[in-house]
Amino acid sequence: MSKPLSLSFDPIARADELWARRWGAVPSMAAITSVMRAHQILLAQVDAVVKPYKLTFARYEALVLLTFSQAGELPLSKIGQRLMVHPTSVTNTVDRLEAAGLVTRRPNPLDGRGVLAAITPKGRDVVERATRDLMAMDFGLVGYDAEGCKEMFEMLRPLRIAAGDFEEPEPKPEQKPEPGAEAGAV
């Protein structure tokens, strides 16, 4: 876990004040610095929980993705796409999971050049136990209730859309009530 800083002041708020004095108020600087620090804290916390399983959070995510697939296997290219990581990172992740006996590789019968990663029974057991532990510590977000987590998700969604992670679905047209269905109509 990340070592508490135990400062008597908020260093990001202080940086924000100093920044404003020097260059003018730029709320996005304090926001990005807070997001980056939150990332450090959360990654350290979740990595500490999955470490006894000889996993990193990235490897854990790959195992979870494989458990979500119908057949328990996916092409490496699809893993990279879904986890939003570079192909080299996927190869490294799968190499380590394979060395630990948590996944196996086999040629993709639908793509002569492709490779499938398949979760093993040992991998399924490890992901179940690690998931239980991560859920017990609320994935490091113990200071937030369910509503706060939903708000955080929604607040970060426009950033992900702007980065091209996915396209915003078209809003569903509002359905107008049928004649006679208005409140009070008999």
C-alpha atoms as a PDB file:
ATOM      1  CA  MET A   1       0.000   0.000   0.000  1.00  0.00           C
ATOM      2  CA  SER A   2       1.091   3.572  -0.540  1.00  0.00           C
ATOM      3  CA  LYS A   3       2.750   5.134   2.466  1.00  0.00           C
ATOM      4  CA  PRO A   4       0.601   7.876   4.025  1.00  0.00           C
ATOM      5  CA  LEU A   5       2.158  11.290   3.539  1.00  0.00           C
ATOM      6  CA  SER A   6       0.800  12.555   6.898  1.00  0.00           C
ATOM      7  CA  LEU A   7       1.227  16.193   5.892  1.00  0.00           C
ATOM      8  CA  SER A   8      -0.375  19.012   7.868  1.00  0.00           C
ATOM      9  CA  PHE A   9      -1.709  20.554   4.631  1.00  0.00           C
ATOM     10  CA  ASP A  10      -3.069  19.453   1.264  1.00  0.00           C
ATOM     11  CA  PRO A  11      -0.101  19.707  -1.138  1.00  0.00           C
ATOM     12  CA  ILE A  12      -2.373  19.811  -4.183  1.00  0.00           C
ATOM     13  CA  ALA A  13      -4.436  22.671  -2.746  1.00  0.00           C
ATOM     14  CA  ARG A  14      -1.180  24.485  -1.918  1.00  0.00           C
ATOM     15  CA  ALA A  15       0.111  23.940  -5.463  1.00  0.00           C
ATOM     16  CA  ASP A  16      -3.209  25.236  -6.792  1.00  0.00           C
ATOM     17  CA  GLU A  17      -2.855  28.429  -4.727  1.00  0.00           C
ATOM     18  CA  LEU A  18       0.748  28.974  -5.839  1.00  0.00           C
ATOM     19  CA  TRP A  19      -0.148  28.228  -9.451  1.00  0.00           C
ATOM     20  CA  ALA A  20      -2.972  30.777  -9.353  1.00  0.00           C
ATOM     21  CA  ARG A  21      -0.635  33.445  -7.973  1.00  0.00           C
ATOM     22  CA  ARG A  22       1.974  32.809 -10.646  1.00  0.00           C
ATOM     23  CA  TRP A  23      -0.023  31.965 -13.776  1.00  0.00           C
ATOM     24  CA  GLY A  24      -3.660  32.540 -12.868  1.00  0.00           C
ATOM     25  CA  ALA A  25      -6.362  30.133 -11.758  1.00  0.00           C
ATOM     26  CA  VAL A  26      -6.387  26.896 -13.736  1.00  0.00           C
ATOM     27  CA  PRO A  27      -8.788  24.466 -12.003  1.00  0.00           C
ATOM     28  CA  SER A  28      -7.829  21.700 -14.434  1.00  0.00           C
ATOM     29  CA  MET A  29      -4.285  21.623 -12.954  1.00  0.00           C
ATOM     30  CA  ALA A  30      -5.584  20.798  -9.471  1.00  0.00           C
ATOM     31  CA  ALA A  31      -8.055  18.313 -10.928  1.00  0.00           C
ATOM     32  CA  ILE A  32      -5.466  16.395 -12.976  1.00  0.00           C
ATOM     33  CA  THR A  33      -3.015  16.360 -10.083  1.00  0.00           C
ATOM     34  CA  SER A  34      -5.749  14.976  -7.812  1.00  0.00           C
ATOM     35  CA  VAL A  35      -6.673  12.301 -10.372  1.00  0.00           C
ATOM     36  CA  MET A  36      -3.035  11.272 -10.770  1.00  0.00           C
ATOM     37  CA  ARG A  37      -2.511  11.066  -6.993  1.00  0.00           C
ATOM     38  CA  ALA A  38      -5.754   9.092  -6.613  1.00  0.00           C
ATOM     39  CA  HIS A  39      -4.472   6.692  -9.280  1.00  0.00           C
ATOM     40  CA  GLN A  40      -1.233   6.165  -7.313  1.00  0.00           C
ATOM     41  CA  ILE A  41      -3.138   5.526  -4.078  1.00  0.00           C
ATOM     42  CA  LEU A  42      -5.706   3.170  -5.576  1.00  0.00           C
ATOM     43  CA  LEU A  43      -3.209   1.202  -7.649  1.00  0.00           C
ATOM     44  CA  ALA A  44      -0.993   0.685  -4.602  1.00  0.00           C
ATOM     45  CA  GLN A  45      -3.977  -0.491  -2.542  1.00  0.00           C
ATOM     46  CA  VAL A  46      -5.375  -2.940  -5.097  1.00  0.00           C
ATOM     47  CA  ASP A  47      -1.918  -4.234  -6.020  1.00  0.00           C
ATOM     48  CA  ALA A  48      -1.289  -4.955  -2.316  1.00  0.00           C
ATOM     49  CA  VAL A  49      -4.505  -7.020  -2.198  1.00  0.00           C
ATOM     50  CA  VAL A  50      -3.733  -9.074  -5.320  1.00  0.00           C
ATOM     51  CA  LYS A  51      -0.005  -9.488  -4.565  1.00  0.00           C
ATOM     52  CA  PRO A  52      -0.505 -12.608  -2.391  1.00  0.00           C
ATOM     53  CA  TYR A  53      -2.029 -14.231  -5.495  1.00  0.00           C
ATOM     54  CA  LYS A  54       1.127 -13.317  -7.455  1.00  0.00           C
ATOM     55  CA  LEU A  55      -0.914 -10.862  -9.522  1.00  0.00           C
ATOM     56  CA  THR A  56      -0.807  -7.200 -10.398  1.00  0.00           C
ATOM     57  CA  PHE A  57      -4.042  -5.356 -10.986  1.00  0.00           C
ATOM     58  CA  ALA A  58      -3.367  -5.515 -14.746  1.00  0.00           C
ATOM     59  CA  ARG A  59      -3.063  -9.315 -14.598  1.00  0.00           C
ATOM     60  CA  TYR A  60      -6.152  -9.507 -12.419  1.00  0.00           C
ATOM     61  CA  GLU A  61      -8.100  -7.482 -15.011  1.00  0.00           C
ATOM     62  CA  ALA A  62      -7.024  -9.881 -17.766  1.00  0.00           C
ATOM     63  CA  LEU A  63      -8.228 -12.868 -15.719  1.00  0.00           C
ATOM     64  CA  VAL A  64     -11.557 -11.164 -15.029  1.00  0.00           C
ATOM     65  CA  LEU A  65     -11.976 -10.422 -18.730  1.00  0.00           C
ATOM     66  CA  LEU A  66     -11.383 -14.089 -19.549  1.00  0.00           C
ATOM     67  CA  THR A  67     -13.967 -15.169 -16.963  1.00  0.00           C
ATOM     68  CA  PHE A  68     -16.489 -12.838 -18.605  1.00  0.00           C
ATOM     69  CA  SER A  69     -15.983 -14.430 -22.035  1.00  0.00           C
ATOM     70  CA  GLN A  70     -18.384 -17.215 -23.014  1.00  0.00           C
ATOM     71  CA  ALA A  71     -15.716 -19.844 -23.628  1.00  0.00           C
ATOM     72  CA  GLY A  72     -13.183 -18.545 -21.064  1.00  0.00           C
ATOM     73  CA  GLU A  73     -10.798 -17.581 -23.857  1.00  0.00           C
ATOM     74  CA  LEU A  74     -10.164 -14.589 -26.068  1.00  0.00           C
ATOM     75  CA  PRO A  75      -7.734 -13.557 -28.794  1.00  0.00           C
ATOM     76  CA  LEU A  76      -4.819 -11.549 -27.407  1.00  0.00           C
ATOM     77  CA  SER A  77      -5.810  -8.677 -29.722  1.00  0.00           C
ATOM     78  CA  LYS A  78      -9.295  -8.593 -28.171  1.00  0.00           C
ATOM     79  CA  ILE A  79      -7.802  -8.599 -24.658  1.00  0.00           C
ATOM     80  CA  GLY A  80      -5.696  -5.565 -25.544  1.00  0.00           C
ATOM     81  CA  GLN A  81      -8.662  -3.789 -27.067  1.00  0.00           C
ATOM     82  CA  ARG A  82     -10.955  -4.439 -24.097  1.00  0.00           C
ATOM     83  CA  LEU A  83      -8.319  -3.574 -21.492  1.00  0.00           C
ATOM     84  CA  MET A  84      -7.227  -0.565 -23.583  1.00  0.00           C
ATOM     85  CA  VAL A  85      -3.529  -1.493 -23.503  1.00  0.00           C
ATOM     86  CA  HIS A  86      -0.750  -1.863 -26.063  1.00  0.00           C
ATOM     87  CA  PRO A  87      -0.242  -5.330 -27.647  1.00  0.00           C
ATOM     88  CA  THR A  88       3.189  -5.591 -25.991  1.00  0.00           C
ATOM     89  CA  SER A  89       1.552  -5.152 -22.588  1.00  0.00           C
ATOM     90  CA  VAL A  90      -0.952  -7.910 -23.370  1.00  0.00           C
ATOM     91  CA  THR A  91       1.831 -10.266 -24.417  1.00  0.00           C
ATOM     92  CA  ASN A  92       3.742  -9.551 -21.209  1.00  0.00           C
ATOM     93  CA  THR A  93       0.617  -9.983 -19.072  1.00  0.00           C
ATOM     94  CA  VAL A  94      -0.341 -13.269 -20.727  1.00  0.00           C
ATOM     95  CA  ASP A  95       3.280 -14.514 -20.508  1.00  0.00           C
ATOM     96  CA  ARG A  96       3.236 -14.000 -16.745  1.00  0.00           C
ATOM     97  CA  LEU A  97      -0.218 -15.489 -16.293  1.00  0.00           C
ATOM     98  CA  GLU A  98       0.827 -18.499 -18.339  1.00  0.00           C
ATOM     99  CA  ALA A  99       4.028 -18.956 -16.311  1.00  0.00           C
ATOM    100  CA  ALA A 100       1.873 -18.967 -13.157  1.00  0.00           C
ATOM    101  CA  GLY A 101      -0.437 -21.617 -14.630  1.00  0.00           C
ATOM    102  CA  LEU A 102      -3.420 -19.250 -14.681  1.00  0.00           C
ATOM    103  CA  VAL A 103      -3.899 -19.199 -18.458  1.00  0.00           C
ATOM    104  CA  THR A 104      -2.879 -21.285 -21.437  1.00  0.00           C
ATOM    105  CA  ARG A 105      -2.306 -20.231 -25.037  1.00  0.00           C
ATOM    106  CA  ARG A 106      -3.393 -21.928 -28.209  1.00  0.00           C
ATOM    107  CA  PRO A 107      -3.594 -20.994 -31.872  1.00  0.00           C
ATOM    108  CA  ASN A 108      -6.797 -19.227 -32.839  1.00  0.00           C
ATOM    109  CA  PRO A 109      -8.637 -21.591 -35.218  1.00  0.00           C
ATOM    110  CA  LEU A 110     -10.454 -18.608 -36.770  1.00  0.00           C
ATOM    111  CA  ASP A 111      -7.258 -16.617 -37.403  1.00  0.00           C
ATOM    112  CA  GLY A 112      -4.153 -18.479 -38.558  1.00  0.00           C
ATOM    113  CA  ARG A 113      -1.856 -15.792 -37.172  1.00  0.00           C
ATOM    114  CA  GLY A 114      -3.771 -15.165 -33.949  1.00  0.00           C
ATOM    115  CA  VAL A 115      -3.392 -16.628 -30.479  1.00  0.00           C
ATOM    116  CA  LEU A 116      -6.049 -17.312 -27.867  1.00  0.00           C
ATOM    117  CA  ALA A 117      -5.502 -17.011 -24.118  1.00  0.00           C
ATOM    118  CA  ALA A 118      -7.685 -19.344 -22.060  1.00  0.00           C
ATOM    119  CA  ILE A 119      -8.200 -19.216 -18.319  1.00  0.00           C
ATOM    120  CA  THR A 120      -7.325 -22.412 -16.437  1.00  0.00           C
ATOM    121  CA  PRO A 121      -9.211 -23.873 -13.455  1.00  0.00           C
ATOM    122  CA  LYS A 122      -6.400 -22.540 -11.243  1.00  0.00           C
ATOM    123  CA  GLY A 123      -6.882 -19.108 -12.856  1.00  0.00           C
ATOM    124  CA  ARG A 124     -10.618 -19.246 -12.143  1.00  0.00           C
ATOM    125  CA  ASP A 125      -9.934 -20.097  -8.499  1.00  0.00           C
ATOM    126  CA  VAL A 126      -7.407 -17.289  -8.112  1.00  0.00           C
ATOM    127  CA  VAL A 127      -9.667 -14.686  -9.726  1.00  0.00           C
ATOM    128  CA  GLU A 128     -12.575 -15.688  -7.468  1.00  0.00           C
ATOM    129  CA  ARG A 129     -10.468 -15.376  -4.304  1.00  0.00           C
ATOM    130  CA  ALA A 130      -8.825 -12.113  -5.399  1.00  0.00           C
ATOM    131  CA  THR A 131     -12.210 -10.670  -6.355  1.00  0.00           C
ATOM    132  CA  ARG A 132     -13.610 -11.529  -2.933  1.00  0.00           C
ATOM    133  CA  ASP A 133     -10.689  -9.688  -1.296  1.00  0.00           C
ATOM    134  CA  LEU A 134     -10.966  -6.648  -3.584  1.00  0.00           C
ATOM    135  CA  MET A 135     -14.701  -6.392  -2.984  1.00  0.00           C
ATOM    136  CA  ALA A 136     -14.117  -6.612   0.777  1.00  0.00           C
ATOM    137  CA  MET A 137     -11.967  -3.467   0.579  1.00  0.00           C
ATOM    138  CA  ASP A 138     -14.293  -1.749  -1.918  1.00  0.00           C
ATOM    139  CA  PHE A 139     -11.475  -1.621  -4.471  1.00  0.00           C
ATOM    140  CA  GLY A 140      -9.856   1.048  -2.293  1.00  0.00           C
ATOM    141  CA  LEU A 141     -12.841   3.403  -2.465  1.00  0.00           C
ATOM    142  CA  VAL A 142     -13.955   2.978   1.159  1.00  0.00           C
ATOM    143  CA  GLY A 143     -14.569   6.728   1.496  1.00  0.00           C
ATOM    144  CA  TYR A 144     -17.338   6.609  -1.113  1.00  0.00           C
ATOM    145  CA  ASP A 145     -20.809   5.129  -0.972  1.00  0.00           C
ATOM    146  CA  ALA A 146     -22.525   3.550  -3.988  1.00  0.00           C
ATOM    147  CA  GLU A 147     -23.928   6.907  -5.100  1.00  0.00           C
ATOM    148  CA  GLY A 148     -20.508   8.571  -4.847  1.00  0.00           C
ATOM    149  CA  CYS A 149     -18.971   5.815  -6.966  1.00  0.00           C
ATOM    150  CA  LYS A 150     -21.704   6.241  -9.591  1.00  0.00           C
ATOM    151  CA  GLU A 151     -21.112  10.005  -9.617  1.00  0.00           C
ATOM    152  CA  MET A 152     -17.361   9.477 -10.035  1.00  0.00           C
ATOM    153  CA  PHE A 153     -17.984   7.095 -12.938  1.00  0.00           C
ATOM    154  CA  GLU A 154     -20.318   9.585 -14.632  1.00  0.00           C
ATOM    155  CA  MET A 155     -17.943  12.491 -14.001  1.00  0.00           C
ATOM    156  CA  LEU A 156     -15.038  10.692 -15.698  1.00  0.00           C
ATOM    157  CA  ARG A 157     -17.129   9.335 -18.594  1.00  0.00           C
ATOM    158  CA  PRO A 158     -16.909  12.485 -20.797  1.00  0.00           C
ATOM    159  CA  LEU A 159     -13.104  12.367 -20.517  1.00  0.00           C
ATOM    160  CA  ARG A 160     -13.103   8.770 -21.760  1.00  0.00           C
ATOM    161  CA  ILE A 161     -15.485   9.608 -24.597  1.00  0.00           C
ATOM    162  CA  ALA A 162     -13.339  12.592 -25.638  1.00  0.00           C
ATOM    163  CA  ALA A 163     -10.280  10.299 -25.648  1.00  0.00           C
ATOM    164  CA  GLY A 164     -12.071   8.020 -28.122  1.00  0.00           C
ATOM    165  CA  ASP A 165     -12.505   5.038 -25.789  1.00  0.00           C
ATOM    166  CA  PHE A 166     -16.046   4.601 -27.073  1.00  0.00           C
ATOM    167  CA  GLU A 167     -18.840   6.535 -28.719  1.00  0.00           C
ATOM    168  CA  GLU A 168     -21.657   8.054 -26.741  1.00  0.00           C
ATOM    169  CA  PRO A 169     -24.812   6.131 -27.605  1.00  0.00           C
ATOM    170  CA  GLU A 170     -27.558   8.113 -29.280  1.00  0.00           C
ATOM    171  CA  PRO A 171     -30.157   9.204 -26.743  1.00  0.00           C
ATOM    172  CA  LYS A 172     -33.385   7.305 -26.987  1.00  0.00           C
ATOM    173  CA  PRO A 173     -36.214   9.473 -28.282  1.00  0.00           C
ATOM    174  CA  GLU A 174     -38.670  10.458 -25.603  1.00  0.00           C
ATOM    175  CA  GLN A 175     -41.853   8.527 -25.856  1.00  0.00           C
ATOM    176  CA  LYS A 176     -44.928  10.676 -25.839  1.00  0.00           C
ATOM    177  CA  PRO A 177     -47.859   9.282 -23.937  1.00  0.00           C
ATOM    178  CA  GLU A 178     -50.621   7.947 -26.085  1.00  0.00           C
ATOM    179  CA  PRO A 179     -53.756  10.086 -26.263  1.00  0.00           C
ATOM    180  CA  GLY A 180     -55.890   9.446 -23.218  1.00  0.00           C
ATOM    181  CA  ALA A 181     -52.923   8.113 -21.205  1.00  0.00           C
ATOM    182  CA  GLU A 182     -52.208  11.467 -19.522  1.00  0.00           C
ATOM    183  CA  ALA A 183     -52.500  11.653 -15.786  1.00  0.00           C
ATOM    184  CA  GLY A 184     -56.100  11.909 -14.730  1.00  0.00           C
ATOM    185  CA  ALA A 185     -57.492  10.638 -18.055  1.00  0.00           C
ATOM    186  CA  VAL A 186     -60.185   8.015 -17.759  1.00  0.00           C
END
